[in-house]
Amino acid sequence: MSDSGSIKNAVIQQVLEESNLANARTLIENVQTNCFEKCIFKPAGSLSKSDETCVTTCMEKYMAAWNQVNATFIARVRREQGNH
């Protein structure tokens, strides 16, 4: 591979890694915001067992939905790349 091809691939890889990191940050922020608002009605020094259960369930559902959206998006991008 030529030097310019190697540089291009390295830049693409770096952009993908930065994008993945930004997506992970967004996921964590959204989970924190949404699950906290949904589950924690009376913030205190510690979580009750029902708070813990609610937060865990909320996080699992949110992450499952996030994974489904990402999988669908990736499949779409791959289809579109195949058409060009």
PDB file of N, CA and C in Angstrom:
ATOM      1  N   MET A   1       0.849  -1.179   0.000  1.00  0.00           N
ATOM      2  CA  MET A   1       0.000   0.000   0.000  1.00  0.00           C
ATOM      3  C   MET A   1       0.892   1.239   0.000  1.00  0.00           C
ATOM      4  N   SER A   2       0.461   2.251  -0.704  1.00  0.00           N
ATOM      5  CA  SER A   2       1.256   3.472  -0.773  1.00  0.00           C
ATOM      6  C   SER A   2       1.209   4.211   0.557  1.00  0.00           C
ATOM      7  N   ASP A   3       2.162   5.131   0.704  1.00  0.00           N
ATOM      8  CA  ASP A   3       2.202   5.932   1.930  1.00  0.00           C
ATOM      9  C   ASP A   3       0.912   6.727   2.120  1.00  0.00           C
ATOM     10  N   SER A   4       0.391   7.303   1.024  1.00  0.00           N
ATOM     11  CA  SER A   4      -0.848   8.085   1.148  1.00  0.00           C
ATOM     12  C   SER A   4      -2.016   7.181   1.531  1.00  0.00           C
ATOM     13  N   GLY A   5      -2.021   5.942   1.046  1.00  0.00           N
ATOM     14  CA  GLY A   5      -3.065   4.984   1.420  1.00  0.00           C
ATOM     15  C   GLY A   5      -2.973   4.609   2.883  1.00  0.00           C
ATOM     16  N   SER A   6      -1.740   4.440   3.368  1.00  0.00           N
ATOM     17  CA  SER A   6      -1.536   4.121   4.786  1.00  0.00           C
ATOM     18  C   SER A   6      -1.974   5.268   5.675  1.00  0.00           C
ATOM     19  N   ILE A   7      -1.636   6.474   5.260  1.00  0.00           N
ATOM     20  CA  ILE A   7      -2.027   7.661   6.034  1.00  0.00           C
ATOM     21  C   ILE A   7      -3.544   7.792   6.048  1.00  0.00           C
ATOM     22  N   LYS A   8      -4.169   7.591   4.887  1.00  0.00           N
ATOM     23  CA  LYS A   8      -5.625   7.678   4.800  1.00  0.00           C
ATOM     24  C   LYS A   8      -6.274   6.652   5.725  1.00  0.00           C
ATOM     25  N   ASN A   9      -5.790   5.424   5.714  1.00  0.00           N
ATOM     26  CA  ASN A   9      -6.343   4.377   6.578  1.00  0.00           C
ATOM     27  C   ASN A   9      -6.136   4.704   8.056  1.00  0.00           C
ATOM     28  N   ALA A  10      -4.997   5.266   8.393  1.00  0.00           N
ATOM     29  CA  ALA A  10      -4.729   5.647   9.783  1.00  0.00           C
ATOM     30  C   ALA A  10      -5.674   6.753  10.229  1.00  0.00           C
ATOM     31  N   VAL A  11      -5.913   7.725   9.354  1.00  0.00           N
ATOM     32  CA  VAL A  11      -6.834   8.814   9.685  1.00  0.00           C
ATOM     33  C   VAL A  11      -8.257   8.273   9.845  1.00  0.00           C
ATOM     34  N   ILE A  12      -8.667   7.411   8.941  1.00  0.00           N
ATOM     35  CA  ILE A  12     -10.001   6.806   9.029  1.00  0.00           C
ATOM     36  C   ILE A  12     -10.137   6.043  10.335  1.00  0.00           C
ATOM     37  N   GLN A  13      -9.126   5.278  10.701  1.00  0.00           N
ATOM     38  CA  GLN A  13      -9.157   4.510  11.939  1.00  0.00           C
ATOM     39  C   GLN A  13      -9.257   5.434  13.153  1.00  0.00           C
ATOM     40  N   GLN A  14      -8.500   6.512  13.142  1.00  0.00           N
ATOM     41  CA  GLN A  14      -8.530   7.460  14.253  1.00  0.00           C
ATOM     42  C   GLN A  14      -9.905   8.115  14.364  1.00  0.00           C
ATOM     43  N   VAL A  15     -10.496   8.493  13.243  1.00  0.00           N
ATOM     44  CA  VAL A  15     -11.825   9.101  13.248  1.00  0.00           C
ATOM     45  C   VAL A  15     -12.853   8.109  13.785  1.00  0.00           C
ATOM     46  N   LEU A  16     -12.759   6.855  13.372  1.00  0.00           N
ATOM     47  CA  LEU A  16     -13.687   5.840  13.868  1.00  0.00           C
ATOM     48  C   LEU A  16     -13.555   5.649  15.371  1.00  0.00           C
ATOM     49  N   GLU A  17     -12.319   5.620  15.857  1.00  0.00           N
ATOM     50  CA  GLU A  17     -12.097   5.460  17.296  1.00  0.00           C
ATOM     51  C   GLU A  17     -12.648   6.647  18.078  1.00  0.00           C
ATOM     52  N   GLU A  18     -12.434   7.857  17.563  1.00  0.00           N
ATOM     53  CA  GLU A  18     -12.957   9.046  18.230  1.00  0.00           C
ATOM     54  C   GLU A  18     -14.481   9.067  18.198  1.00  0.00           C
ATOM     55  N   SER A  19     -15.045   8.626  17.092  1.00  0.00           N
ATOM     56  CA  SER A  19     -16.502   8.551  16.973  1.00  0.00           C
ATOM     57  C   SER A  19     -17.072   7.531  17.954  1.00  0.00           C
ATOM     58  N   ASN A  20     -16.417   6.387  18.078  1.00  0.00           N
ATOM     59  CA  ASN A  20     -16.863   5.368  19.029  1.00  0.00           C
ATOM     60  C   ASN A  20     -16.799   5.885  20.463  1.00  0.00           C
ATOM     61  N   LEU A  21     -15.746   6.619  20.787  1.00  0.00           N
ATOM     62  CA  LEU A  21     -15.606   7.186  22.126  1.00  0.00           C
ATOM     63  C   LEU A  21     -16.705   8.215  22.386  1.00  0.00           C
ATOM     64  N   ALA A  22     -16.983   9.054  21.408  1.00  0.00           N
ATOM     65  CA  ALA A  22     -18.049  10.051  21.554  1.00  0.00           C
ATOM     66  C   ALA A  22     -19.403   9.358  21.718  1.00  0.00           C
ATOM     67  N   ASN A  23     -19.639   8.289  20.973  1.00  0.00           N
ATOM     68  CA  ASN A  23     -20.890   7.542  21.108  1.00  0.00           C
ATOM     69  C   ASN A  23     -21.012   6.914  22.490  1.00  0.00           C
ATOM     70  N   ALA A  24     -19.916   6.391  23.010  1.00  0.00           N
ATOM     71  CA  ALA A  24     -19.942   5.793  24.349  1.00  0.00           C
ATOM     72  C   ALA A  24     -20.243   6.855  25.399  1.00  0.00           C
ATOM     73  N   ARG A  25     -19.653   8.017  25.263  1.00  0.00           N
ATOM     74  CA  ARG A  25     -19.927   9.117  26.201  1.00  0.00           C
ATOM     75  C   ARG A  25     -21.397   9.519  26.150  1.00  0.00           C
ATOM     76  N   THR A  26     -21.925   9.628  24.941  1.00  0.00           N
ATOM     77  CA  THR A  26     -23.333   9.989  24.770  1.00  0.00           C
ATOM     78  C   THR A  26     -24.231   8.938  25.402  1.00  0.00           C
ATOM     79  N   LEU A  27     -23.912   7.682  25.187  1.00  0.00           N
ATOM     80  CA  LEU A  27     -24.702   6.602  25.782  1.00  0.00           C
ATOM     81  C   LEU A  27     -24.708   6.713  27.300  1.00  0.00           C
ATOM     82  N   ILE A  28     -23.546   6.894  27.894  1.00  0.00           N
ATOM     83  CA  ILE A  28     -23.445   6.981  29.352  1.00  0.00           C
ATOM     84  C   ILE A  28     -24.208   8.194  29.874  1.00  0.00           C
ATOM     85  N   GLU A  29     -24.059   9.328  29.218  1.00  0.00           N
ATOM     86  CA  GLU A  29     -24.773  10.535  29.642  1.00  0.00           C
ATOM     87  C   GLU A  29     -26.288  10.339  29.554  1.00  0.00           C
ATOM     88  N   ASN A  30     -26.750   9.745  28.463  1.00  0.00           N
ATOM     89  CA  ASN A  30     -28.184   9.531  28.284  1.00  0.00           C
ATOM     90  C   ASN A  30     -28.735   8.533  29.298  1.00  0.00           C
ATOM     91  N   VAL A  31     -27.991   7.479  29.550  1.00  0.00           N
ATOM     92  CA  VAL A  31     -28.425   6.495  30.538  1.00  0.00           C
ATOM     93  C   VAL A  31     -28.507   7.158  31.909  1.00  0.00           C
ATOM     94  N   GLN A  32     -27.482   7.908  32.266  1.00  0.00           N
ATOM     95  CA  GLN A  32     -27.486   8.582  33.570  1.00  0.00           C
ATOM     96  C   GLN A  32     -28.686   9.512  33.696  1.00  0.00           C
ATOM     97  N   THR A  33     -28.894  10.343  32.705  1.00  0.00           N
ATOM     98  CA  THR A  33     -29.984  11.315  32.755  1.00  0.00           C
ATOM     99  C   THR A  33     -31.336  10.619  32.772  1.00  0.00           C
ATOM    100  N   ASN A  34     -31.577   9.764  31.801  1.00  0.00           N
ATOM    101  CA  ASN A  34     -32.893   9.141  31.669  1.00  0.00           C
ATOM    102  C   ASN A  34     -33.216   8.192  32.807  1.00  0.00           C
ATOM    103  N   CYS A  35     -32.289   7.355  33.186  1.00  0.00           N
ATOM    104  CA  CYS A  35     -32.561   6.384  34.241  1.00  0.00           C
ATOM    105  C   CYS A  35     -32.643   7.049  35.606  1.00  0.00           C
ATOM    106  N   PHE A  36     -31.849   8.076  35.832  1.00  0.00           N
ATOM    107  CA  PHE A  36     -31.932   8.792  37.100  1.00  0.00           C
ATOM    108  C   PHE A  36     -33.302   9.448  37.224  1.00  0.00           C
ATOM    109  N   GLU A  37     -33.723  10.144  36.171  1.00  0.00           N
ATOM    110  CA  GLU A  37     -35.020  10.823  36.201  1.00  0.00           C
ATOM    111  C   GLU A  37     -36.167   9.838  36.366  1.00  0.00           C
ATOM    112  N   LYS A  38     -36.038   8.683  35.746  1.00  0.00           N
ATOM    113  CA  LYS A  38     -37.108   7.685  35.794  1.00  0.00           C
ATOM    114  C   LYS A  38     -37.159   6.962  37.143  1.00  0.00           C
ATOM    115  N   CYS A  39     -36.021   6.723  37.755  1.00  0.00           N
ATOM    116  CA  CYS A  39     -35.957   5.799  38.888  1.00  0.00           C
ATOM    117  C   CYS A  39     -35.730   6.434  40.251  1.00  0.00           C
ATOM    118  N   ILE A  40     -35.088   7.568  40.298  1.00  0.00           N
ATOM    119  CA  ILE A  40     -34.698   8.146  41.589  1.00  0.00           C
ATOM    120  C   ILE A  40     -35.595   9.339  41.895  1.00  0.00           C
ATOM    121  N   PHE A  41     -36.572   9.106  42.766  1.00  0.00           N
ATOM    122  CA  PHE A  41     -37.526  10.162  43.093  1.00  0.00           C
ATOM    123  C   PHE A  41     -37.102  10.961  44.318  1.00  0.00           C
ATOM    124  N   LYS A  42     -36.405  10.305  45.237  1.00  0.00           N
ATOM    125  CA  LYS A  42     -35.950  10.969  46.460  1.00  0.00           C
ATOM    126  C   LYS A  42     -34.462  10.684  46.649  1.00  0.00           C
ATOM    127  N   PRO A  43     -33.595  11.480  45.993  1.00  0.00           N
ATOM    128  CA  PRO A  43     -32.153  11.245  46.137  1.00  0.00           C
ATOM    129  C   PRO A  43     -31.737  11.268  47.606  1.00  0.00           C
ATOM    130  N   ALA A  44     -30.888  10.327  47.946  1.00  0.00           N
ATOM    131  CA  ALA A  44     -30.385  10.222  49.317  1.00  0.00           C
ATOM    132  C   ALA A  44     -28.930   9.783  49.252  1.00  0.00           C
ATOM    133  N   GLY A  45     -28.381   9.452  50.407  1.00  0.00           N
ATOM    134  CA  GLY A  45     -26.984   9.034  50.475  1.00  0.00           C
ATOM    135  C   GLY A  45     -26.721   7.701  49.813  1.00  0.00           C
ATOM    136  N   SER A  46     -27.756   6.873  49.670  1.00  0.00           N
ATOM    137  CA  SER A  46     -27.591   5.579  49.013  1.00  0.00           C
ATOM    138  C   SER A  46     -28.890   5.216  48.303  1.00  0.00           C
ATOM    139  N   LEU A  47     -28.802   4.239  47.425  1.00  0.00           N
ATOM    140  CA  LEU A  47     -29.978   3.804  46.675  1.00  0.00           C
ATOM    141  C   LEU A  47     -30.705   2.704  47.436  1.00  0.00           C
ATOM    142  N   SER A  48     -32.027   2.752  47.373  1.00  0.00           N
ATOM    143  CA  SER A  48     -32.810   1.656  47.940  1.00  0.00           C
ATOM    144  C   SER A  48     -32.732   0.471  46.981  1.00  0.00           C
ATOM    145  N   LYS A  49     -33.163  -0.668  47.440  1.00  0.00           N
ATOM    146  CA  LYS A  49     -33.146  -1.865  46.591  1.00  0.00           C
ATOM    147  C   LYS A  49     -34.039  -1.656  45.368  1.00  0.00           C
ATOM    148  N   SER A  50     -35.187  -1.023  45.544  1.00  0.00           N
ATOM    149  CA  SER A  50     -36.069  -0.774  44.396  1.00  0.00           C
ATOM    150  C   SER A  50     -35.434   0.232  43.428  1.00  0.00           C
ATOM    151  N   ASP A  51     -34.715   1.231  43.952  1.00  0.00           N
ATOM    152  CA  ASP A  51     -33.989   2.166  43.085  1.00  0.00           C
ATOM    153  C   ASP A  51     -32.945   1.426  42.261  1.00  0.00           C
ATOM    154  N   GLU A  52     -32.184   0.552  42.918  1.00  0.00           N
ATOM    155  CA  GLU A  52     -31.154  -0.220  42.219  1.00  0.00           C
ATOM    156  C   GLU A  52     -31.759  -1.079  41.125  1.00  0.00           C
ATOM    157  N   THR A  53     -32.864  -1.752  41.447  1.00  0.00           N
ATOM    158  CA  THR A  53     -33.525  -2.614  40.461  1.00  0.00           C
ATOM    159  C   THR A  53     -34.017  -1.799  39.278  1.00  0.00           C
ATOM    160  N   CYS A  54     -34.635  -0.662  39.564  1.00  0.00           N
ATOM    161  CA  CYS A  54     -35.142   0.202  38.503  1.00  0.00           C
ATOM    162  C   CYS A  54     -34.010   0.701  37.607  1.00  0.00           C
ATOM    163  N   VAL A  55     -32.933   1.177  38.212  1.00  0.00           N
ATOM    164  CA  VAL A  55     -31.799   1.694  37.436  1.00  0.00           C
ATOM    165  C   VAL A  55     -31.187   0.587  36.585  1.00  0.00           C
ATOM    166  N   THR A  56     -31.023  -0.589  37.157  1.00  0.00           N
ATOM    167  CA  THR A  56     -30.456  -1.713  36.407  1.00  0.00           C
ATOM    168  C   THR A  56     -31.329  -2.078  35.217  1.00  0.00           C
ATOM    169  N   THR A  57     -32.624  -2.195  35.447  1.00  0.00           N
ATOM    170  CA  THR A  57     -33.550  -2.536  34.366  1.00  0.00           C
ATOM    171  C   THR A  57     -33.557  -1.453  33.298  1.00  0.00           C
ATOM    172  N   CYS A  58     -33.585  -0.204  33.728  1.00  0.00           N
ATOM    173  CA  CYS A  58     -33.570   0.922  32.795  1.00  0.00           C
ATOM    174  C   CYS A  58     -32.308   0.897  31.936  1.00  0.00           C
ATOM    175  N   MET A  59     -31.170   0.698  32.568  1.00  0.00           N
ATOM    176  CA  MET A  59     -29.899   0.663  31.840  1.00  0.00           C
ATOM    177  C   MET A  59     -29.882  -0.480  30.827  1.00  0.00           C
ATOM    178  N   GLU A  60     -30.348  -1.645  31.228  1.00  0.00           N
ATOM    179  CA  GLU A  60     -30.359  -2.797  30.323  1.00  0.00           C
ATOM    180  C   GLU A  60     -31.243  -2.532  29.104  1.00  0.00           C
ATOM    181  N   LYS A  61     -32.420  -1.962  29.351  1.00  0.00           N
ATOM    182  CA  LYS A  61     -33.329  -1.658  28.238  1.00  0.00           C
ATOM    183  C   LYS A  61     -32.740  -0.585  27.329  1.00  0.00           C
ATOM    184  N   TYR A  62     -32.192   0.450  27.929  1.00  0.00           N
ATOM    185  CA  TYR A  62     -31.628   1.551  27.162  1.00  0.00           C
ATOM    186  C   TYR A  62     -30.467   1.056  26.293  1.00  0.00           C
ATOM    187  N   MET A  63     -29.605   0.243  26.875  1.00  0.00           N
ATOM    188  CA  MET A  63     -28.451  -0.255  26.121  1.00  0.00           C
ATOM    189  C   MET A  63     -28.882  -1.237  25.026  1.00  0.00           C
ATOM    190  N   ALA A  64     -29.896  -2.042  25.281  1.00  0.00           N
ATOM    191  CA  ALA A  64     -30.402  -2.949  24.246  1.00  0.00           C
ATOM    192  C   ALA A  64     -30.962  -2.152  23.069  1.00  0.00           C
ATOM    193  N   ALA A  65     -31.705  -1.095  23.382  1.00  0.00           N
ATOM    194  CA  ALA A  65     -32.242  -0.250  22.315  1.00  0.00           C
ATOM    195  C   ALA A  65     -31.113   0.444  21.556  1.00  0.00           C
ATOM    196  N   TRP A  66     -30.128   0.950  22.284  1.00  0.00           N
ATOM    197  CA  TRP A  66     -28.975   1.608  21.666  1.00  0.00           C
ATOM    198  C   TRP A  66     -28.249   0.641  20.724  1.00  0.00           C
ATOM    199  N   ASN A  67     -28.041  -0.585  21.188  1.00  0.00           N
ATOM    200  CA  ASN A  67     -27.364  -1.589  20.364  1.00  0.00           C
ATOM    201  C   ASN A  67     -28.157  -1.900  19.102  1.00  0.00           C
ATOM    202  N   GLN A  68     -29.469  -1.984  19.216  1.00  0.00           N
ATOM    203  CA  GLN A  68     -30.308  -2.248  18.051  1.00  0.00           C
ATOM    204  C   GLN A  68     -30.228  -1.109  17.044  1.00  0.00           C
ATOM    205  N   VAL A  69     -30.294   0.112  17.531  1.00  0.00           N
ATOM    206  CA  VAL A  69     -30.190   1.277  16.642  1.00  0.00           C
ATOM    207  C   VAL A  69     -28.830   1.287  15.948  1.00  0.00           C
ATOM    208  N   ASN A  70     -27.765   1.041  16.701  1.00  0.00           N
ATOM    209  CA  ASN A  70     -26.427   1.024  16.105  1.00  0.00           C
ATOM    210  C   ASN A  70     -26.283  -0.086  15.075  1.00  0.00           C
ATOM    211  N   ALA A  71     -26.802  -1.266  15.371  1.00  0.00           N
ATOM    212  CA  ALA A  71     -26.711  -2.385  14.428  1.00  0.00           C
ATOM    213  C   ALA A  71     -27.453  -2.055  13.137  1.00  0.00           C
ATOM    214  N   THR A  72     -28.616  -1.444  13.259  1.00  0.00           N
ATOM    215  CA  THR A  72     -29.389  -1.056  12.085  1.00  0.00           C
ATOM    216  C   THR A  72     -28.652   0.006  11.280  1.00  0.00           C
ATOM    217  N   PHE A  73     -28.070   0.977  11.977  1.00  0.00           N
ATOM    218  CA  PHE A  73     -27.316   2.033  11.304  1.00  0.00           C
ATOM    219  C   PHE A  73     -26.110   1.453  10.560  1.00  0.00           C
ATOM    220  N   ILE A  74     -25.374   0.587  11.214  1.00  0.00           N
ATOM    221  CA  ILE A  74     -24.194  -0.024  10.585  1.00  0.00           C
ATOM    222  C   ILE A  74     -24.597  -0.833   9.363  1.00  0.00           C
ATOM    223  N   ALA A  75     -25.681  -1.590   9.457  1.00  0.00           N
ATOM    224  CA  ALA A  75     -26.159  -2.374   8.315  1.00  0.00           C
ATOM    225  C   ALA A  75     -26.523  -1.450   7.152  1.00  0.00           C
ATOM    226  N   ARG A  76     -27.153  -0.340   7.464  1.00  0.00           N
ATOM    227  CA  ARG A  76     -27.524   0.619   6.421  1.00  0.00           C
ATOM    228  C   ARG A  76     -26.289   1.216   5.750  1.00  0.00           C
ATOM    229  N   VAL A  77     -25.307   1.601   6.541  1.00  0.00           N
ATOM    230  CA  VAL A  77     -24.076   2.168   5.991  1.00  0.00           C
ATOM    231  C   VAL A  77     -23.386   1.146   5.089  1.00  0.00           C
ATOM    232  N   ARG A  78     -23.342  -0.089   5.533  1.00  0.00           N
ATOM    233  CA  ARG A  78     -22.704  -1.138   4.714  1.00  0.00           C
ATOM    234  C   ARG A  78     -23.452  -1.355   3.403  1.00  0.00           C
ATOM    235  N   ARG A  79     -24.786  -1.344   3.453  1.00  0.00           N
ATOM    236  CA  ARG A  79     -25.579  -1.491   2.222  1.00  0.00           C
ATOM    237  C   ARG A  79     -25.291  -0.356   1.270  1.00  0.00           C
ATOM    238  N   GLU A  80     -25.251   0.877   1.825  1.00  0.00           N
ATOM    239  CA  GLU A  80     -25.016   2.044   0.984  1.00  0.00           C
ATOM    240  C   GLU A  80     -23.599   2.027   0.407  1.00  0.00           C
ATOM    241  N   GLN A  81     -22.630   1.548   1.173  1.00  0.00           N
ATOM    242  CA  GLN A  81     -21.270   1.455   0.658  1.00  0.00           C
ATOM    243  C   GLN A  81     -21.195   0.422  -0.459  1.00  0.00           C
ATOM    244  N   GLY A  82     -21.991  -0.618  -0.358  1.00  0.00           N
ATOM    245  CA  GLY A  82     -22.022  -1.651  -1.384  1.00  0.00           C
ATOM    246  C   GLY A  82     -22.632  -1.167  -2.679  1.00  0.00           C
ATOM    247  N   ASN A  83     -23.468  -0.133  -2.611  1.00  0.00           N
ATOM    248  CA  ASN A  83     -24.121   0.411  -3.795  1.00  0.00           C
ATOM    249  C   ASN A  83     -23.257   1.416  -4.537  1.00  0.00           C
ATOM    250  N   HIS A  84     -22.149   1.827  -3.908  1.00  0.00           N
ATOM    251  CA  HIS A  84     -21.283   2.843  -4.559  1.00  0.00           C
ATOM    252  C   HIS A  84     -20.027   2.247  -5.071  1.00  0.00           C
TER     253      HIS A  84
END
